[in-house]
Amino acid sequence: MDGFSVGEPWNARAIADVHVASWRAAYRGVLSDEYLAALSADRRAAMWRDSIVGGSYAAAIAKAGIPVFAWQS
């Protein structure tokens, strides 16, 4: 693992990709396939970017040879 850092606005897309992928994996069979398929990394990235810039969320990110593989808010 490369380490942990505070998520910055430019990390928003990577956080969103992990967020959507983790929801699709974790909630398969719990939430409808249609709902999970409709999750949008583009919309989620905008939400994360706005939240980080606006200070409503702080995100800690973990890196391991790829941009982001985990986040915690």
C-alpha atoms as a PDB file:
ATOM      1  CA  MET A   1       0.000   0.000   0.000  1.00  0.00           C
ATOM      2  CA  ASP A   2       1.251   3.451  -0.891  1.00  0.00           C
ATOM      3  CA  GLY A   3      -0.502   5.001   2.080  1.00  0.00           C
ATOM      4  CA  PHE A   4      -3.398   7.155   3.119  1.00  0.00           C
ATOM      5  CA  SER A   5      -4.085  10.787   2.387  1.00  0.00           C
ATOM      6  CA  VAL A   6      -6.817  13.363   2.585  1.00  0.00           C
ATOM      7  CA  GLY A   7      -9.035  13.306  -0.471  1.00  0.00           C
ATOM      8  CA  GLU A   8      -8.737  16.378  -2.669  1.00  0.00           C
ATOM      9  CA  PRO A   9     -11.183  17.620  -5.306  1.00  0.00           C
ATOM     10  CA  TRP A  10      -9.095  16.020  -8.066  1.00  0.00           C
ATOM     11  CA  ASN A  11      -9.608  12.623  -6.355  1.00  0.00           C
ATOM     12  CA  ALA A  12     -13.387  12.897  -6.730  1.00  0.00           C
ATOM     13  CA  ARG A  13     -13.642  10.704  -9.854  1.00  0.00           C
ATOM     14  CA  ALA A  14     -11.512   7.935  -8.377  1.00  0.00           C
ATOM     15  CA  ILE A  15     -13.505   8.028  -5.134  1.00  0.00           C
ATOM     16  CA  ALA A  16     -16.728   7.895  -7.162  1.00  0.00           C
ATOM     17  CA  ASP A  17     -15.520   4.891  -9.166  1.00  0.00           C
ATOM     18  CA  VAL A  18     -14.747   2.992  -5.948  1.00  0.00           C
ATOM     19  CA  HIS A  19     -18.013   4.173  -4.363  1.00  0.00           C
ATOM     20  CA  VAL A  20     -20.182   2.929  -7.240  1.00  0.00           C
ATOM     21  CA  ALA A  21     -18.281  -0.347  -7.667  1.00  0.00           C
ATOM     22  CA  SER A  22     -18.448  -1.103  -3.946  1.00  0.00           C
ATOM     23  CA  TRP A  23     -22.193  -0.416  -3.801  1.00  0.00           C
ATOM     24  CA  ARG A  24     -22.810  -2.655  -6.801  1.00  0.00           C
ATOM     25  CA  ALA A  25     -20.838  -5.474  -5.174  1.00  0.00           C
ATOM     26  CA  ALA A  26     -22.091  -5.046  -1.610  1.00  0.00           C
ATOM     27  CA  TYR A  27     -25.780  -4.544  -2.379  1.00  0.00           C
ATOM     28  CA  ARG A  28     -26.224  -7.101  -5.188  1.00  0.00           C
ATOM     29  CA  GLY A  29     -29.276  -9.131  -4.238  1.00  0.00           C
ATOM     30  CA  VAL A  30     -30.303  -6.541  -1.638  1.00  0.00           C
ATOM     31  CA  LEU A  31     -31.151  -3.609  -3.898  1.00  0.00           C
ATOM     32  CA  SER A  32     -32.695  -4.018  -7.329  1.00  0.00           C
ATOM     33  CA  ASP A  33     -30.447  -4.612 -10.318  1.00  0.00           C
ATOM     34  CA  GLU A  34     -32.062  -1.594 -11.969  1.00  0.00           C
ATOM     35  CA  TYR A  35     -31.158   0.668  -9.067  1.00  0.00           C
ATOM     36  CA  LEU A  36     -27.562  -0.531  -8.980  1.00  0.00           C
ATOM     37  CA  ALA A  37     -27.206  -0.238 -12.756  1.00  0.00           C
ATOM     38  CA  ALA A  38     -28.447   3.346 -12.589  1.00  0.00           C
ATOM     39  CA  LEU A  39     -25.734   4.428 -10.148  1.00  0.00           C
ATOM     40  CA  SER A  40     -23.607   6.984 -11.939  1.00  0.00           C
ATOM     41  CA  ALA A  41     -19.925   7.540 -11.288  1.00  0.00           C
ATOM     42  CA  ASP A  42     -20.269  10.889 -13.103  1.00  0.00           C
ATOM     43  CA  ARG A  43     -22.993  12.100 -10.722  1.00  0.00           C
ATOM     44  CA  ARG A  44     -21.200  10.647  -7.722  1.00  0.00           C
ATOM     45  CA  ALA A  45     -17.940  12.375  -8.758  1.00  0.00           C
ATOM     46  CA  ALA A  46     -19.736  15.719  -8.932  1.00  0.00           C
ATOM     47  CA  MET A  47     -21.204  15.080  -5.472  1.00  0.00           C
ATOM     48  CA  TRP A  48     -17.788  14.179  -4.032  1.00  0.00           C
ATOM     49  CA  ARG A  49     -16.093  17.156  -5.669  1.00  0.00           C
ATOM     50  CA  ASP A  50     -18.726  19.571  -4.357  1.00  0.00           C
ATOM     51  CA  SER A  51     -18.679  17.982  -0.903  1.00  0.00           C
ATOM     52  CA  ILE A  52     -14.901  18.100  -0.583  1.00  0.00           C
ATOM     53  CA  VAL A  53     -14.672  21.694  -1.857  1.00  0.00           C
ATOM     54  CA  GLY A  54     -17.604  22.816   0.291  1.00  0.00           C
ATOM     55  CA  GLY A  55     -16.279  21.078   3.395  1.00  0.00           C
ATOM     56  CA  SER A  56     -19.418  19.020   4.012  1.00  0.00           C
ATOM     57  CA  TYR A  57     -17.412  15.781   3.754  1.00  0.00           C
ATOM     58  CA  ALA A  58     -13.788  14.952   4.340  1.00  0.00           C
ATOM     59  CA  ALA A  59     -12.569  11.855   2.558  1.00  0.00           C
ATOM     60  CA  ALA A  60      -9.541   9.788   3.499  1.00  0.00           C
ATOM     61  CA  ILE A  61      -8.231   7.782   0.570  1.00  0.00           C
ATOM     62  CA  ALA A  62      -5.998   4.723   0.381  1.00  0.00           C
ATOM     63  CA  LYS A  63      -3.639   4.170  -2.531  1.00  0.00           C
ATOM     64  CA  ALA A  64      -1.903   1.000  -3.664  1.00  0.00           C
ATOM     65  CA  GLY A  65      -0.268   1.437  -7.032  1.00  0.00           C
ATOM     66  CA  ILE A  66      -3.548   2.663  -8.495  1.00  0.00           C
ATOM     67  CA  PRO A  67      -5.160   6.076  -8.008  1.00  0.00           C
ATOM     68  CA  VAL A  68      -7.570   5.124  -5.198  1.00  0.00           C
ATOM     69  CA  PHE A  69      -8.732   1.750  -3.998  1.00  0.00           C
ATOM     70  CA  ALA A  70     -10.623   2.725  -0.861  1.00  0.00           C
ATOM     71  CA  TRP A  71     -12.121   5.764   0.801  1.00  0.00           C
ATOM     72  CA  GLN A  72     -13.694   6.620   4.135  1.00  0.00           C
ATOM     73  CA  SER A  73     -15.787   9.641   4.894  1.00  0.00           C
END
